[in-house]
Protein backbone atom coordinates (compact mmCIF):
# COMPACT_ATOMS: atom_id res chain seq x y z
CA MET A 1 -12.78 1.59 -10.41
CA GLY A 2 -14.70 4.16 -12.42
CA SER A 3 -17.96 2.35 -11.76
CA ILE A 4 -17.33 1.86 -8.02
CA GLU A 5 -19.40 4.01 -5.74
CA GLY A 6 -18.75 4.52 -2.06
CA ASP A 7 -20.32 6.46 0.76
CA GLY A 8 -17.60 9.12 0.69
CA SER A 9 -16.27 8.21 4.13
CA LEU A 10 -12.54 8.17 4.71
CA ALA A 11 -12.73 4.46 5.55
CA SER A 12 -14.30 3.77 2.14
CA PHE A 13 -11.24 5.23 0.40
CA LEU A 14 -8.92 2.96 2.38
CA ALA A 15 -11.14 0.02 1.40
CA ALA A 16 -11.03 1.16 -2.25
CA SER A 17 -7.21 1.25 -2.15
CA ILE A 18 -7.05 -2.32 -0.91
CA PHE A 19 -9.80 -3.48 -3.27
CA THR A 20 -7.95 -2.02 -6.28
CA ARG A 21 -4.90 -4.12 -5.49
CA GLU A 22 -7.03 -7.22 -4.91
CA VAL A 23 -8.75 -6.79 -8.28
CA ARG A 24 -5.41 -6.41 -10.07
CA GLU A 25 -4.38 -9.74 -8.54
CA PHE A 26 -7.43 -11.56 -9.95
CA GLY A 27 -6.32 -14.50 -12.09
CA ARG A 28 -2.69 -14.33 -11.03
CA PHE A 29 -1.07 -17.20 -9.20
CA GLY A 30 2.33 -18.72 -8.60
CA ARG A 31 5.18 -16.56 -9.82
CA TYR A 32 2.72 -14.10 -11.38
CA ALA A 33 1.08 -13.24 -8.06
CA ARG A 34 2.17 -9.97 -6.52
CA TRP A 35 -0.23 -8.52 -3.96
CA THR A 36 -0.89 -11.99 -2.50
CA HIS A 37 2.57 -11.89 -0.94
CA HIS A 38 2.04 -8.57 0.86
CA ARG A 39 1.13 -8.23 4.54
CA PHE A 40 0.02 -4.99 6.16
CA VAL A 41 2.47 -3.63 8.73
CA ASN A 42 2.34 -1.00 11.47
CA ALA A 43 6.10 -1.27 11.99
CA PRO A 44 8.98 -2.94 10.15
CA PRO A 45 9.41 -6.58 11.22
CA GLN A 46 12.22 -6.58 13.78
CA GLN A 47 13.75 -9.94 12.82
CA ILE A 48 14.86 -8.59 9.44
CA PRO A 49 17.95 -6.37 8.97
CA TRP A 50 16.56 -3.64 6.72
CA GLN A 51 18.47 -1.64 4.14
CA TRP A 52 16.57 1.61 3.83
CA ARG A 53 16.15 3.20 0.42
CA THR A 54 14.37 6.24 1.85
CA LYS A 55 14.30 8.05 5.15
CA VAL A 56 12.84 5.69 7.78
CA PRO A 57 9.14 6.58 8.15
CA GLU A 58 8.18 7.77 11.63
CA ASP A 59 4.69 6.26 11.50
CA PHE A 60 3.66 3.14 9.59
CA SER A 61 -0.02 3.26 10.55
CA PRO A 62 -2.58 3.68 7.74
CA LYS A 63 -3.62 7.25 7.04
CA VAL A 64 -6.49 8.78 5.09
CA VAL A 65 -6.53 12.55 4.65
CA LEU A 66 -9.22 14.76 3.10
CA ARG A 67 -7.48 17.80 1.68
CA GLN A 68 -9.06 21.22 1.46
CA ASP A 69 -9.46 20.83 -2.32
CA ALA A 70 -11.52 17.60 -1.71
CA GLU A 71 -8.69 15.32 -2.86
CA VAL A 72 -8.36 12.24 -0.65
CA ILE A 73 -4.93 10.78 0.06
CA VAL A 74 -4.50 7.23 1.37
CA GLU A 75 -1.18 5.97 2.69
CA PHE A 76 -0.33 2.56 4.14
CA TYR A 77 2.61 0.18 4.36
CA SER A 78 3.05 -3.50 3.57
CA CYS A 79 5.80 -6.08 3.70
CA ARG A 80 6.32 -8.43 0.78
CA VAL A 81 7.05 -11.75 2.47
CA GLN A 82 8.15 -13.55 -0.72
CA LYS A 83 11.73 -13.02 -1.91
CA PRO A 84 12.91 -10.41 -2.46
CA VAL A 85 11.51 -9.36 0.92
CA ALA A 86 10.77 -5.63 1.01
CA LEU A 87 8.77 -2.91 2.72
CA PHE A 88 6.44 -0.87 0.53
CA ARG A 89 4.76 2.49 0.95
CA HIS A 90 1.44 2.68 -0.88
CA LEU A 91 0.15 6.16 -1.69
CA ASP A 92 -3.15 6.65 -3.50
CA ARG A 93 -4.52 10.04 -4.53
CA TYR A 94 -8.25 10.26 -5.22
CA PRO A 95 -9.52 13.31 -7.11
CA PRO A 96 -12.67 14.99 -5.76
CA ASN A 97 -15.82 12.85 -6.03
CA SER A 98 -14.00 9.84 -7.51
CA TYR A 99 -12.86 6.39 -6.49
CA THR A 100 -10.37 6.19 -9.36
CA ALA A 101 -6.99 6.83 -7.79
CA ASN A 102 -3.51 7.55 -8.96
CA ASN A 103 -1.65 4.65 -7.27
CA GLN A 104 1.99 4.80 -6.28
CA ASP A 105 3.76 1.82 -4.71
CA GLN A 106 7.32 2.53 -3.55
CA VAL A 107 9.92 0.22 -2.06
CA VAL A 108 11.21 1.92 1.09
CA ALA A 109 13.45 -0.88 2.38
CA VAL A 110 14.78 -4.29 1.35
CA ALA A 111 15.87 -7.18 3.51
CA GLY A 112 19.61 -7.08 4.06
CA SER A 113 21.95 -10.02 4.35
CA GLY A 114 20.53 -12.63 6.68
CA GLY A 115 16.92 -11.61 5.88
CA LYS A 116 14.35 -14.22 5.02
């Protein structure tokens, strides 16, 4: 991502976060695929009994924040639809004037008994 340039808009950082995960998936398939099995979510799927590993987030919508120190923080959630089914929080921190982020993907909930 060091050679990626964007227009500096908040939307471009969200796009960079998604693009980074897509690039990491390049060449992976079958049991080696990871990101391919994720779906963006604005709320936890209701048909699944979730076992929360963290406090239940109040808002699952994507967020992009420009901090006063020019760091950009991107947060969004996804659901891995392949077993083991889980909800993930993705948090990327972009230093000032850079599209090279520190990426953190955290499982916030797993499908309980009876989940798909």
